Amino acid sequence: MRVVEIIKNIWKIEDLKVRIFVTFILVMVYRFLSVVTLPGVTSTSLGGLRAQAQGGLMSLLDMFSGGAFSNASIVALGIMPYISASIVIQLLAIVVPYFQKLQREGESGRRKINQYTRYLTLLVLILQAPTYLINLNVQMRSVGSIVPGGMWFTISSTIILAAGSMFVLWLGERITDKGIGNGISFIIMIGIVARLPQALTQEIISKLSEASGGLVVFLLEIVILLVVIAGAILLVQGTRKIPVQYARQMIGNRQYGGVRQYIPLKVNAANVMPIIFAQAIMFIPISLIGFGSNKNTNNWLVRIFTSLSNISGFWYNFIDVVLIIVFTWLYTAITINPKQIAEDLKRSNGFVPGIKPGKKTAEHIDSVMSKLTFPGSLFLALVAIMPAFAKMFGIQQGFASFFGGTSLLILVGVVLDTLQQVESRLLSRHYDGLLHSGRVKGRTGQFY
């Protein structure tokens, strides 16, 4: 009954109803485009490409694109080039003074940064599209299919792939402006969720085909999955609050009156950025050995790179954990500046009770962040390699990917953010929220 009441309240708010409808229509457009293949390519000739996307790092690319990658769709490259470009621009904004200046210019600076991000996205697409076409050519030849040839096919398909990805970016921006939630993150989530029904069906069939106890094992897997989701929610929402007293009046060295607030420091301040960086580096081996099936397996370097591209293997996951921990420390250290926080508090007549303003406050904040970052990085690394453990215990590859990694964290973060926006609109119109007590808490910041 509670759910019915919430749906009725949502339906009463015209603006919220329209936004949900617009989001649904734009998502349907994206899903339709994901099955429209490139001109000259037939769906029956994609057996090799689909087999390649069933495992390894290629399965991650296919998941984020909602199957468009393995369908040789006009939107096969998806939104990931824009994500990569956004990450590069964010890093430049940390180390390059010009981009730092743009960040301080407010709305005009943000528009310029978005423009540079789009230019970089287009450059990435122009470089990435021919690589995708080379891989498509190799995979189609591997199953004896007729491969479209000629320079015209390469040029036209590169333009189509680039335009398709830019159109997906436009859809994401329209969802942000006219729909519910962050459009880019929402499109990534839809691509991940689109694989869930098939993965769940395959897992059920696999367990029911076992001689005995298959249904019990499947129910146990669902329970474990719910526990992992609860842990991911804790990782996204977990914070440590540092109390801050803001003085209203200063007489000598004493503060009179004032308001107490808090500095919320996240357990995982880097969100999924360390996983994205780590996976980008781990993708290098498969890029170096090439996508083709005619690999020289006698070459020791090829064998090493092939081993590192196995997402269920020991060395891939071991190096992945190390990289995630390192990147968590680095990204947190770059994005959170305790000295700047301490200076801002001092200028606004704020102080941490029991801690001297200035250097001591910066050291205190840095100490708290260090205590949060290490366990947070370990927890993030554990969530990242959970799919490997799931597959080790006999869970199908498609379903195992939902037990952790970037996909699970994106799902949790986007769902919480979307629910938070819906609840805020309900409360602003004096309707009950989504929960009986408390409010839905989303993540701070974005995934890209």
Protein backbone atom coordinates (compact mmCIF):
# COMPACT_ATOMS: atom_id res chain seq x y z
CA MET A 1 0.00 0.00 0.00
CA ARG A 2 2.89 2.34 0.71
CA VAL A 3 4.17 1.91 -2.86
CA VAL A 4 0.72 2.62 -4.28
CA GLU A 5 0.47 5.81 -2.23
CA ILE A 6 3.89 6.99 -3.44
CA ILE A 7 2.91 6.35 -7.08
CA LYS A 8 -0.31 8.32 -6.57
CA ASN A 9 1.63 11.24 -5.10
CA ILE A 10 4.08 11.19 -8.01
CA TRP A 11 1.18 11.15 -10.47
CA LYS A 12 -0.34 14.23 -8.82
CA ILE A 13 2.79 16.32 -9.50
CA GLU A 14 2.56 17.32 -13.15
CA ASP A 15 6.21 18.39 -13.47
CA LEU A 16 7.52 15.16 -11.94
CA LYS A 17 5.18 13.06 -14.09
CA VAL A 18 6.38 14.79 -17.27
CA ARG A 19 10.03 14.37 -16.30
CA ILE A 20 9.60 10.64 -15.71
CA PHE A 21 7.80 10.27 -19.06
CA VAL A 22 10.54 12.21 -20.91
CA THR A 23 13.22 10.06 -19.25
CA PHE A 24 11.39 6.90 -20.33
CA ILE A 25 11.05 8.05 -23.96
CA LEU A 26 14.72 9.07 -24.26
CA VAL A 27 15.85 5.78 -22.73
CA MET A 28 13.70 3.89 -25.26
CA VAL A 29 15.35 5.84 -28.09
CA TYR A 30 18.78 4.84 -26.78
CA ARG A 31 17.79 1.19 -26.45
CA PHE A 32 16.42 1.19 -30.01
CA LEU A 33 19.66 2.63 -31.40
CA SER A 34 21.69 -0.03 -29.58
CA VAL A 35 20.30 -2.74 -31.91
CA VAL A 36 20.67 -0.76 -35.17
CA THR A 37 23.79 -2.16 -36.83
CA LEU A 38 26.26 -0.29 -39.00
CA PRO A 39 25.44 -0.10 -42.73
CA GLY A 40 26.85 -3.15 -44.51
CA VAL A 41 26.93 -5.29 -41.35
CA THR A 42 24.28 -7.95 -40.68
CA SER A 43 23.40 -9.27 -37.23
CA THR A 44 23.95 -12.87 -38.39
CA SER A 45 27.65 -12.16 -39.10
CA LEU A 46 28.45 -10.98 -35.57
CA GLY A 47 28.98 -14.37 -33.95
CA GLY A 48 32.69 -13.79 -33.45
CA LEU A 49 32.21 -10.33 -31.97
CA ARG A 50 29.53 -11.56 -29.57
CA ALA A 51 31.67 -14.48 -28.50
CA GLN A 52 34.54 -12.07 -27.86
CA ALA A 53 32.28 -9.90 -25.67
CA GLN A 54 31.25 -12.85 -23.50
CA GLY A 55 34.39 -12.74 -21.38
CA GLY A 56 37.45 -10.75 -20.49
CA LEU A 57 37.69 -7.00 -20.55
CA MET A 58 35.53 -6.84 -23.68
CA SER A 59 32.56 -7.99 -21.60
CA LEU A 60 32.91 -4.84 -19.49
CA LEU A 61 32.79 -2.61 -22.57
CA ASP A 62 29.76 -4.50 -23.83
CA MET A 63 28.04 -4.16 -20.46
CA PHE A 64 28.55 -0.40 -20.23
CA SER A 65 27.13 -0.01 -23.75
CA GLY A 66 24.11 -2.17 -23.02
CA GLY A 67 25.06 -4.73 -25.67
CA ALA A 68 25.63 -2.12 -28.39
CA PHE A 69 29.32 -3.08 -28.61
CA SER A 70 28.60 -6.72 -29.52
CA ASN A 71 25.76 -5.69 -31.85
CA ALA A 72 28.09 -3.49 -33.96
CA SER A 73 25.52 -0.78 -33.36
CA ILE A 74 25.72 2.79 -34.58
CA VAL A 75 26.13 3.68 -30.88
CA ALA A 76 28.60 0.85 -30.20
CA LEU A 77 31.18 3.15 -28.60
CA GLY A 78 28.53 4.45 -26.21
CA ILE A 79 29.19 7.13 -23.65
CA MET A 80 32.57 5.81 -22.48
CA PRO A 81 34.66 8.13 -24.73
CA TYR A 82 32.95 11.09 -23.05
CA ILE A 83 33.67 9.59 -19.63
CA SER A 84 37.35 9.19 -20.56
CA ALA A 85 37.51 12.77 -21.83
CA SER A 86 35.82 14.02 -18.65
CA ILE A 87 38.38 12.22 -16.49
CA VAL A 88 41.25 13.79 -18.45
CA ILE A 89 39.72 17.27 -18.13
CA GLN A 90 39.20 16.77 -14.38
CA LEU A 91 42.85 15.82 -13.97
CA LEU A 92 43.90 18.84 -16.05
CA ALA A 93 41.77 21.04 -13.79
CA ILE A 94 43.88 19.85 -10.87
CA VAL A 95 47.35 20.44 -12.35
CA VAL A 96 46.90 23.06 -15.13
CA PRO A 97 46.44 26.68 -13.95
CA TYR A 98 44.30 27.63 -16.98
CA PHE A 99 41.67 25.00 -16.17
CA GLN A 100 41.85 25.90 -12.49
CA LYS A 101 41.02 29.47 -13.46
CA LEU A 102 38.07 28.27 -15.55
CA GLN A 103 36.70 26.37 -12.55
CA ARG A 104 36.69 29.58 -10.50
CA GLU A 105 34.82 31.54 -13.17
CA GLY A 106 31.47 29.99 -12.33
CA GLU A 107 28.91 29.24 -15.02
CA SER A 108 30.94 30.72 -17.92
CA GLY A 109 33.97 28.67 -16.92
CA ARG A 110 31.86 25.54 -16.65
CA ARG A 111 30.54 26.06 -20.19
CA LYS A 112 34.08 26.40 -21.54
CA ILE A 113 35.17 23.25 -19.71
CA ASN A 114 32.19 21.36 -21.15
CA GLN A 115 33.12 22.61 -24.60
CA TYR A 116 36.70 21.40 -24.24
CA THR A 117 35.39 18.06 -22.97
CA ARG A 118 33.27 17.65 -26.10
CA TYR A 119 36.21 18.50 -28.36
CA LEU A 120 38.34 15.91 -26.58
CA THR A 121 35.50 13.38 -26.78
CA LEU A 122 35.33 13.86 -30.54
CA LEU A 123 39.09 13.36 -30.82
CA VAL A 124 38.87 10.14 -28.79
CA LEU A 125 36.04 8.92 -31.01
CA ILE A 126 37.99 9.62 -34.21
CA LEU A 127 40.88 7.54 -32.84
CA GLN A 128 38.79 4.80 -31.27
CA ALA A 129 36.29 4.20 -34.08
CA PRO A 130 38.84 2.86 -36.64
CA THR A 131 40.23 0.54 -33.95
CA TYR A 132 36.75 -0.82 -33.33
CA LEU A 133 36.27 -1.35 -37.07
CA ILE A 134 39.56 -3.26 -37.32
CA ASN A 135 38.45 -5.54 -34.51
CA LEU A 136 35.03 -5.96 -36.17
CA ASN A 137 36.75 -6.92 -39.41
CA VAL A 138 38.87 -9.57 -37.69
CA GLN A 139 35.94 -11.07 -35.77
CA MET A 140 33.72 -11.25 -38.86
CA ARG A 141 36.48 -13.01 -40.82
CA SER A 142 36.88 -15.52 -37.97
CA VAL A 143 33.35 -16.84 -38.60
CA GLY A 144 33.66 -16.72 -42.39
CA SER A 145 31.40 -13.71 -42.91
CA ILE A 146 31.69 -11.23 -45.72
CA VAL A 147 33.48 -8.15 -44.48
CA PRO A 148 32.63 -4.71 -45.89
CA GLY A 149 35.83 -3.38 -47.36
CA GLY A 150 37.22 -0.22 -48.80
CA MET A 151 38.18 3.17 -47.51
CA TRP A 152 34.64 4.47 -47.90
CA PHE A 153 33.27 1.94 -45.37
CA THR A 154 35.95 2.91 -42.85
CA ILE A 155 35.37 6.64 -43.27
CA SER A 156 31.58 6.44 -43.28
CA SER A 157 31.44 4.04 -40.32
CA THR A 158 33.87 6.21 -38.34
CA ILE A 159 31.60 9.21 -38.91
CA ILE A 160 28.52 7.18 -37.94
CA LEU A 161 30.12 5.81 -34.75
CA ALA A 162 31.33 9.28 -33.74
CA ALA A 163 27.93 10.83 -34.47
CA GLY A 164 26.18 8.00 -32.61
CA SER A 165 28.20 8.56 -29.46
CA MET A 166 27.70 12.31 -29.61
CA PHE A 167 23.96 11.73 -30.02
CA VAL A 168 23.99 9.50 -26.91
CA LEU A 169 25.74 12.36 -25.11
CA TRP A 170 22.97 14.70 -26.28
CA LEU A 171 20.34 12.25 -24.97
CA GLY A 172 22.09 12.21 -21.60
CA GLU A 173 22.09 16.00 -21.42
CA ARG A 174 18.38 16.10 -22.30
CA ILE A 175 17.64 13.63 -19.50
CA THR A 176 19.54 15.88 -17.09
CA ASP A 177 17.65 18.99 -18.23
CA LYS A 178 14.16 17.59 -18.87
CA GLY A 179 14.12 14.27 -17.04
CA ILE A 180 15.10 12.74 -13.70
CA GLY A 181 18.64 12.22 -12.45
CA ASN A 182 22.02 12.74 -14.09
CA GLY A 183 21.53 11.74 -17.72
CA ILE A 184 25.04 10.42 -18.42
CA SER A 185 25.06 8.23 -15.32
CA PHE A 186 21.49 7.15 -16.06
CA ILE A 187 22.40 5.97 -19.57
CA ILE A 188 25.31 3.94 -18.19
CA MET A 189 22.97 2.41 -15.60
CA ILE A 190 20.41 1.51 -18.28
CA GLY A 191 23.12 -0.22 -20.30
CA ILE A 192 24.09 -2.28 -17.26
CA VAL A 193 20.51 -3.11 -16.24
CA ALA A 194 19.69 -4.17 -19.82
CA ARG A 195 22.00 -7.19 -19.34
CA LEU A 196 20.41 -8.25 -16.04
CA PRO A 197 17.34 -10.19 -17.36
CA GLN A 198 19.45 -12.33 -19.70
CA ALA A 199 22.13 -12.92 -17.07
CA LEU A 200 19.53 -13.81 -14.44
CA THR A 201 17.74 -16.19 -16.82
CA GLN A 202 20.97 -17.96 -17.76
CA GLU A 203 21.88 -18.35 -14.09
CA ILE A 204 18.46 -19.79 -13.20
CA ILE A 205 18.60 -22.27 -16.10
CA SER A 206 22.14 -23.25 -15.14
CA LYS A 207 21.21 -23.93 -11.51
CA LEU A 208 17.96 -25.75 -12.28
CA SER A 209 19.80 -28.04 -14.68
CA GLU A 210 21.95 -29.34 -11.84
CA ALA A 211 21.11 -32.75 -10.40
CA SER A 212 20.09 -31.55 -6.95
CA GLY A 213 20.14 -28.45 -4.79
CA GLY A 214 20.30 -26.03 -7.69
CA LEU A 215 17.37 -23.90 -6.52
CA VAL A 216 18.78 -23.68 -2.98
CA VAL A 217 22.15 -22.57 -4.36
CA PHE A 218 20.45 -19.92 -6.50
CA LEU A 219 18.53 -18.55 -3.49
CA LEU A 220 21.79 -18.45 -1.54
CA GLU A 221 23.38 -16.48 -4.39
CA ILE A 222 20.53 -13.94 -4.22
CA VAL A 223 21.06 -13.53 -0.47
CA ILE A 224 24.80 -12.97 -0.98
CA LEU A 225 24.03 -10.48 -3.77
CA LEU A 226 21.75 -8.51 -1.42
CA VAL A 227 24.52 -8.44 1.19
CA VAL A 228 27.00 -7.13 -1.39
CA ILE A 229 24.49 -4.46 -2.47
CA ALA A 230 24.08 -3.41 1.18
CA GLY A 231 27.86 -3.11 1.44
CA ALA A 232 27.98 -1.03 -1.75
CA ILE A 233 25.33 1.31 -0.32
CA LEU A 234 27.40 1.69 2.82
CA LEU A 235 30.47 2.42 0.70
CA VAL A 236 28.59 5.10 -1.30
CA GLN A 237 26.88 6.76 1.67
CA GLY A 238 29.38 6.24 4.48
CA THR A 239 30.75 9.46 6.00
CA ARG A 240 32.65 10.64 9.03
CA LYS A 241 31.54 14.03 10.35
CA ILE A 242 33.99 16.47 11.87
CA PRO A 243 32.19 18.99 14.14
CA VAL A 244 32.88 22.66 13.38
CA GLN A 245 31.89 25.62 15.53
CA TYR A 246 31.28 28.89 13.66
CA ALA A 247 31.65 31.96 15.87
CA ARG A 248 29.19 34.82 15.47
CA GLN A 249 31.18 37.28 17.54
CA MET A 250 34.90 37.48 18.32
CA ILE A 251 36.17 39.30 21.43
CA GLY A 252 39.90 38.88 21.89
CA ASN A 253 40.69 35.23 21.41
CA ARG A 254 37.30 33.99 22.57
CA GLN A 255 34.23 33.16 20.53
CA TYR A 256 30.73 33.99 21.70
CA GLY A 257 27.59 32.43 20.31
CA GLY A 258 27.95 30.57 17.06
CA VAL A 259 26.48 27.74 15.02
CA ARG A 260 27.67 24.15 15.05
CA GLN A 261 27.96 22.41 11.71
CA TYR A 262 29.89 19.45 10.34
CA ILE A 263 32.47 18.68 7.67
CA PRO A 264 31.32 15.40 6.08
CA LEU A 265 34.32 13.32 5.00
CA LYS A 266 33.39 10.30 2.90
CA VAL A 267 34.69 6.81 3.57
CA ASN A 268 35.20 6.54 -0.17
CA ALA A 269 35.84 10.11 -1.34
CA ALA A 270 37.11 8.91 -4.72
CA ASN A 271 33.84 7.10 -5.61
CA VAL A 272 34.48 4.69 -8.52
CA MET A 273 37.28 6.75 -10.06
CA PRO A 274 40.06 4.39 -8.79
CA ILE A 275 38.29 1.40 -10.39
CA ILE A 276 37.91 3.27 -13.67
CA PHE A 277 41.58 4.28 -13.69
CA ALA A 278 42.70 0.76 -12.76
CA GLN A 279 40.57 -0.85 -15.47
CA ALA A 280 41.85 1.66 -18.02
CA ILE A 281 45.42 0.56 -17.24
CA MET A 282 44.46 -3.14 -17.20
CA PHE A 283 42.94 -2.68 -20.64
CA ILE A 284 46.42 -1.91 -22.03
CA PRO A 285 47.53 -5.60 -22.29
CA ILE A 286 44.63 -6.60 -24.53
CA SER A 287 45.26 -3.52 -26.64
CA LEU A 288 48.94 -4.40 -27.04
CA ILE A 289 48.34 -8.01 -28.08
CA GLY A 290 45.60 -6.93 -30.47
CA PHE A 291 41.99 -8.01 -30.84
CA GLY A 292 42.55 -10.59 -33.52
CA SER A 293 42.27 -14.33 -33.09
CA ASN A 294 45.56 -15.08 -34.84
CA LYS A 295 47.83 -14.35 -31.89
CA ASN A 296 51.27 -15.88 -31.56
CA THR A 297 50.72 -17.74 -28.29
CA ASN A 298 54.32 -18.98 -28.34
CA ASN A 299 55.57 -15.50 -27.60
CA TRP A 300 56.16 -15.19 -23.84
CA LEU A 301 55.15 -11.51 -23.83
CA VAL A 302 51.85 -12.35 -25.52
CA ARG A 303 51.19 -15.08 -22.96
CA ILE A 304 51.80 -12.65 -20.09
CA PHE A 305 49.52 -10.00 -21.57
CA THR A 306 46.85 -12.62 -22.30
CA SER A 307 47.01 -13.74 -18.68
CA LEU A 308 46.65 -10.16 -17.46
CA SER A 309 43.56 -9.66 -19.64
CA ASN A 310 41.76 -12.56 -17.93
CA ILE A 311 39.41 -10.76 -15.51
CA SER A 312 38.91 -13.97 -13.53
CA GLY A 313 42.61 -14.74 -13.19
CA PHE A 314 44.77 -14.21 -10.12
CA TRP A 315 47.28 -11.75 -11.58
CA TYR A 316 44.64 -9.51 -13.11
CA ASN A 317 42.78 -9.20 -9.82
CA PHE A 318 45.94 -8.87 -7.72
CA ILE A 319 47.27 -6.01 -9.84
CA ASP A 320 43.78 -4.52 -9.99
CA VAL A 321 43.59 -4.42 -6.16
CA VAL A 322 47.01 -2.77 -5.89
CA LEU A 323 46.12 -0.16 -8.49
CA ILE A 324 42.76 0.60 -6.84
CA ILE A 325 44.39 1.16 -3.43
CA VAL A 326 47.09 3.38 -4.95
CA PHE A 327 44.64 5.40 -7.05
CA THR A 328 42.28 5.81 -4.08
CA TRP A 329 45.07 7.41 -2.06
CA LEU A 330 46.24 9.58 -4.95
CA TYR A 331 42.79 10.74 -6.05
CA THR A 332 41.73 11.53 -2.48
CA ALA A 333 44.96 13.43 -1.83
CA ILE A 334 44.49 15.46 -5.01
CA THR A 335 40.81 16.28 -4.62
CA ILE A 336 40.73 16.96 -0.85
CA ASN A 337 43.14 19.59 0.45
CA PRO A 338 43.16 19.71 4.29
CA LYS A 339 45.21 22.94 4.29
CA GLN A 340 42.63 24.69 2.11
CA ILE A 341 39.78 23.45 4.30
CA ALA A 342 41.58 24.67 7.42
CA GLU A 343 42.22 28.10 5.85
CA ASP A 344 38.58 28.41 4.79
CA LEU A 345 37.46 27.59 8.32
CA LYS A 346 39.83 30.14 9.80
CA ARG A 347 38.66 32.90 7.44
CA SER A 348 35.01 32.20 8.29
CA ASN A 349 35.68 32.19 12.07
CA GLY A 350 35.21 28.44 12.27
CA PHE A 351 37.18 25.96 14.31
CA VAL A 352 37.16 22.29 15.28
CA PRO A 353 36.43 22.07 19.03
CA GLY A 354 39.59 21.09 20.91
CA ILE A 355 41.85 21.72 17.88
CA LYS A 356 43.81 24.92 17.27
CA PRO A 357 42.95 26.73 14.02
CA GLY A 358 45.37 26.66 11.11
CA LYS A 359 48.08 24.00 10.89
CA LYS A 360 46.72 21.83 13.73
CA THR A 361 43.28 21.75 12.11
CA ALA A 362 44.80 20.75 8.76
CA GLU A 363 46.75 17.96 10.46
CA HIS A 364 43.60 16.77 12.24
CA ILE A 365 41.59 16.66 9.00
CA ASP A 366 44.45 14.90 7.21
CA SER A 367 44.66 12.33 10.03
CA VAL A 368 40.94 11.61 9.83
CA MET A 369 41.10 11.29 6.04
CA SER A 370 44.04 8.87 6.28
CA LYS A 371 42.11 6.69 8.73
CA LEU A 372 39.11 6.68 6.39
CA THR A 373 40.94 6.26 3.09
CA PHE A 374 42.81 3.04 3.84
CA PRO A 375 39.82 0.91 4.94
CA GLY A 376 37.73 2.61 2.25
CA SER A 377 40.26 1.62 -0.43
CA LEU A 378 40.35 -1.97 0.85
CA PHE A 379 36.55 -2.15 0.81
CA LEU A 380 36.47 -0.63 -2.68
CA ALA A 381 39.05 -3.15 -3.90
CA LEU A 382 37.05 -6.01 -2.37
CA VAL A 383 33.88 -4.89 -4.12
CA ALA A 384 35.84 -4.54 -7.38
CA ILE A 385 37.08 -8.16 -7.37
CA MET A 386 33.86 -9.72 -6.06
CA PRO A 387 32.82 -10.83 -9.60
CA ALA A 388 35.98 -12.97 -9.79
CA PHE A 389 35.07 -14.71 -6.52
CA ALA A 390 31.49 -15.16 -7.73
CA LYS A 391 32.67 -16.82 -10.94
CA MET A 392 35.08 -18.99 -8.92
CA PHE A 393 32.08 -20.43 -7.05
CA GLY A 394 30.31 -21.43 -10.25
CA ILE A 395 28.22 -18.36 -11.03
CA GLN A 396 27.80 -17.54 -14.72
CA GLN A 397 30.00 -14.73 -16.06
CA GLY A 398 27.07 -12.45 -16.94
CA PHE A 399 25.41 -12.74 -13.53
CA ALA A 400 28.72 -12.66 -11.65
CA SER A 401 29.44 -9.15 -12.96
CA PHE A 402 26.54 -7.84 -10.84
CA PHE A 403 28.23 -9.01 -7.63
CA GLY A 404 30.60 -6.06 -7.57
CA GLY A 405 32.89 -3.87 -9.61
CA THR A 406 32.10 -0.61 -11.30
CA SER A 407 28.72 -1.87 -12.52
CA LEU A 408 27.34 -2.46 -9.02
CA LEU A 409 28.64 0.83 -7.63
CA ILE A 410 27.19 2.74 -10.59
CA LEU A 411 23.83 1.01 -10.15
CA VAL A 412 23.71 1.80 -6.44
CA GLY A 413 24.90 5.40 -6.85
CA VAL A 414 22.56 6.28 -9.73
CA VAL A 415 19.52 4.64 -8.12
CA LEU A 416 20.15 6.50 -4.84
CA ASP A 417 20.62 9.82 -6.67
CA THR A 418 17.44 9.33 -8.72
CA LEU A 419 15.39 8.38 -5.66
CA GLN A 420 16.78 11.37 -3.82
CA GLN A 421 15.63 13.72 -6.60
CA VAL A 422 12.16 12.15 -6.66
CA GLU A 423 11.90 12.43 -2.88
CA SER A 424 13.03 16.07 -2.91
CA ARG A 425 10.29 16.95 -5.39
CA LEU A 426 7.71 15.09 -3.32
CA LEU A 427 8.74 16.86 -0.12
CA SER A 428 8.81 20.25 -1.85
CA ARG A 429 5.13 19.73 -2.74
CA HIS A 430 4.33 18.70 0.86
CA TYR A 431 3.91 15.00 0.09
CA ASP A 432 5.43 12.17 2.10
CA GLY A 433 8.88 11.01 1.05
CA LEU A 434 9.90 7.54 -0.09
CA LEU A 435 10.76 6.38 3.43
CA HIS A 436 8.73 6.34 6.65
CA SER A 437 11.66 7.86 8.56
CA GLY A 438 14.71 9.74 7.37
CA ARG A 439 15.54 10.63 3.80
CA VAL A 440 17.22 8.90 0.89
CA LYS A 441 20.89 9.87 0.79
CA GLY A 442 22.67 9.99 -2.55
CA ARG A 443 26.36 10.13 -3.29
CA THR A 444 28.22 13.42 -3.56
CA GLY A 445 29.98 14.12 -6.82
CA GLN A 446 29.78 12.26 -10.10
CA PHE A 447 31.25 9.10 -11.53
CA TYR A 448 33.10 10.92 -14.22
